[in-house]
Amino acid sequence: MSAGVKPACETRPTDPEVAVPAYVFYEADVTDPVAYEVYKARAEVTVREAGGRYVVRGGDPITLEGEPPTRRTVLLEFPDVDAAQAWYTSDAYAEAKAQRDGAAVARAYVLPGWTS
């Protein structure tokens, strides 16, 4: 990276008046499809109640580069990082997530969106 050029994550708007959405990236290896369907239904309610929405919910990816994903992929959008973290740590989602135990091995992370 050129001297004096900051990575994109350091050049995001920091003005508290600018709403920056946050995106939760979720990947899962589903091991028990029946139990996982119960988790999905419960998780969906918690996402909506927390002000989030599904942007991507599974599907057949079209690989553009590298190896194709082998895990179920979900992308959620929340109003901001705080809302995403509040959802993930909520009692309601903890109950849904407990249903996923033994049904899938998951990875999730949140990134702030970009506004221009």
Protein backbone atom coordinates (compact mmCIF):
# COMPACT_ATOMS: atom_id res chain seq x y z
CA MET A 1 0.00 0.00 0.00
CA SER A 2 1.30 3.46 -0.86
CA ALA A 3 2.64 5.65 1.89
CA GLY A 4 -0.04 7.93 3.26
CA VAL A 5 -2.92 5.86 1.86
CA LYS A 6 -5.14 4.48 4.57
CA PRO A 7 -6.91 1.14 4.19
CA ALA A 8 -10.62 1.49 3.42
CA CYS A 9 -11.58 0.45 6.95
CA GLU A 10 -9.76 3.53 8.26
CA THR A 11 -11.42 5.94 5.82
CA ARG A 12 -15.05 5.15 6.57
CA PRO A 13 -17.23 8.08 7.56
CA THR A 14 -16.90 8.73 11.28
CA ASP A 15 -19.64 11.36 11.50
CA PRO A 16 -22.21 10.01 13.98
CA GLU A 17 -24.94 11.64 11.87
CA VAL A 18 -24.10 9.34 8.93
CA ALA A 19 -25.97 6.05 9.19
CA VAL A 20 -23.70 3.18 8.22
CA PRO A 21 -25.42 -0.20 7.86
CA ALA A 22 -23.72 -3.31 9.16
CA TYR A 23 -23.61 -6.73 7.55
CA VAL A 24 -23.45 -10.06 9.35
CA PHE A 25 -21.77 -12.75 7.26
CA TYR A 26 -22.75 -16.25 8.33
CA GLU A 27 -21.54 -19.59 7.00
CA ALA A 28 -22.62 -23.02 8.21
CA ASP A 29 -21.89 -26.66 7.61
CA VAL A 30 -25.31 -28.19 8.17
CA THR A 31 -25.12 -31.64 9.76
CA ASP A 32 -28.78 -32.15 10.73
CA PRO A 33 -31.11 -30.54 8.15
CA VAL A 34 -34.30 -31.22 10.14
CA ALA A 35 -33.05 -29.52 13.32
CA TYR A 36 -31.50 -26.76 11.23
CA GLU A 37 -34.90 -25.88 9.74
CA VAL A 38 -36.19 -25.26 13.27
CA TYR A 39 -33.20 -23.00 13.95
CA LYS A 40 -33.79 -21.06 10.72
CA ALA A 41 -37.41 -20.34 11.61
CA ARG A 42 -36.52 -19.17 15.11
CA ALA A 43 -33.54 -17.11 13.96
CA GLU A 44 -35.60 -15.34 11.29
CA VAL A 45 -37.97 -13.96 13.93
CA THR A 46 -35.08 -12.64 16.02
CA VAL A 47 -33.46 -10.94 13.02
CA ARG A 48 -36.68 -9.08 12.15
CA GLU A 49 -37.35 -8.13 15.79
CA ALA A 50 -33.83 -6.67 16.02
CA GLY A 51 -34.35 -4.47 12.95
CA GLY A 52 -32.40 -6.69 10.58
CA ARG A 53 -33.22 -8.20 7.23
CA TYR A 54 -31.97 -11.06 5.10
CA VAL A 55 -30.03 -9.95 2.02
CA VAL A 56 -28.90 -13.46 1.05
CA ARG A 57 -30.26 -16.68 2.48
CA GLY A 58 -28.58 -19.69 0.96
CA GLY A 59 -28.93 -20.42 -2.73
CA ASP A 60 -26.60 -21.70 -5.40
CA PRO A 61 -23.57 -19.42 -5.70
CA ILE A 62 -21.95 -18.63 -9.02
CA THR A 63 -18.21 -18.79 -8.47
CA LEU A 64 -16.37 -15.80 -9.89
CA GLU A 65 -12.92 -16.60 -8.54
CA GLY A 66 -11.29 -19.32 -6.46
CA GLU A 67 -12.98 -22.38 -5.07
CA PRO A 68 -16.78 -22.42 -4.77
CA PRO A 69 -18.16 -22.17 -1.24
CA THR A 70 -19.18 -25.44 0.31
CA ARG A 71 -21.06 -23.99 3.28
CA ARG A 72 -24.49 -22.44 3.56
CA THR A 73 -24.06 -18.67 3.24
CA VAL A 74 -26.31 -16.01 4.75
CA LEU A 75 -25.93 -12.23 4.67
CA LEU A 76 -27.90 -10.07 7.09
CA GLU A 77 -28.20 -6.29 7.14
CA PHE A 78 -28.70 -4.25 10.31
CA PRO A 79 -28.97 -0.49 10.81
CA ASP A 80 -25.47 -0.39 12.35
CA VAL A 81 -22.80 -2.51 14.04
CA ASP A 82 -24.31 -1.92 17.48
CA ALA A 83 -27.67 -3.29 16.31
CA ALA A 84 -25.99 -6.35 14.79
CA GLN A 85 -24.04 -7.06 17.96
CA ALA A 86 -27.12 -6.51 20.11
CA TRP A 87 -29.03 -9.03 17.99
CA TYR A 88 -26.25 -11.63 18.17
CA THR A 89 -25.90 -11.33 21.95
CA SER A 90 -29.65 -11.13 22.64
CA ASP A 91 -31.46 -13.70 24.76
CA ALA A 92 -33.87 -14.30 21.87
CA TYR A 93 -31.10 -15.24 19.45
CA ALA A 94 -29.31 -17.30 22.13
CA GLU A 95 -32.45 -19.44 22.35
CA ALA A 96 -32.54 -19.85 18.57
CA LYS A 97 -28.83 -20.56 18.42
CA ALA A 98 -29.22 -23.30 21.05
CA GLN A 99 -31.45 -25.10 18.54
CA ARG A 100 -28.57 -25.02 16.07
CA ASP A 101 -26.23 -26.90 18.44
CA GLY A 102 -25.59 -30.28 16.89
CA ALA A 103 -27.34 -29.24 13.67
CA ALA A 104 -24.56 -27.12 12.17
CA VAL A 105 -21.07 -25.79 12.68
CA ALA A 106 -21.14 -22.07 12.00
CA ARG A 107 -18.97 -19.01 11.59
CA ALA A 108 -20.32 -15.46 11.80
CA TYR A 109 -18.82 -11.99 11.72
CA VAL A 110 -20.00 -8.42 11.26
CA LEU A 111 -18.56 -5.66 9.09
CA PRO A 112 -19.67 -2.05 8.80
CA GLY A 113 -21.07 -1.07 5.44
CA TRP A 114 -19.92 1.78 3.29
CA THR A 115 -21.58 5.08 2.56
CA SER A 116 -20.30 7.48 -0.04
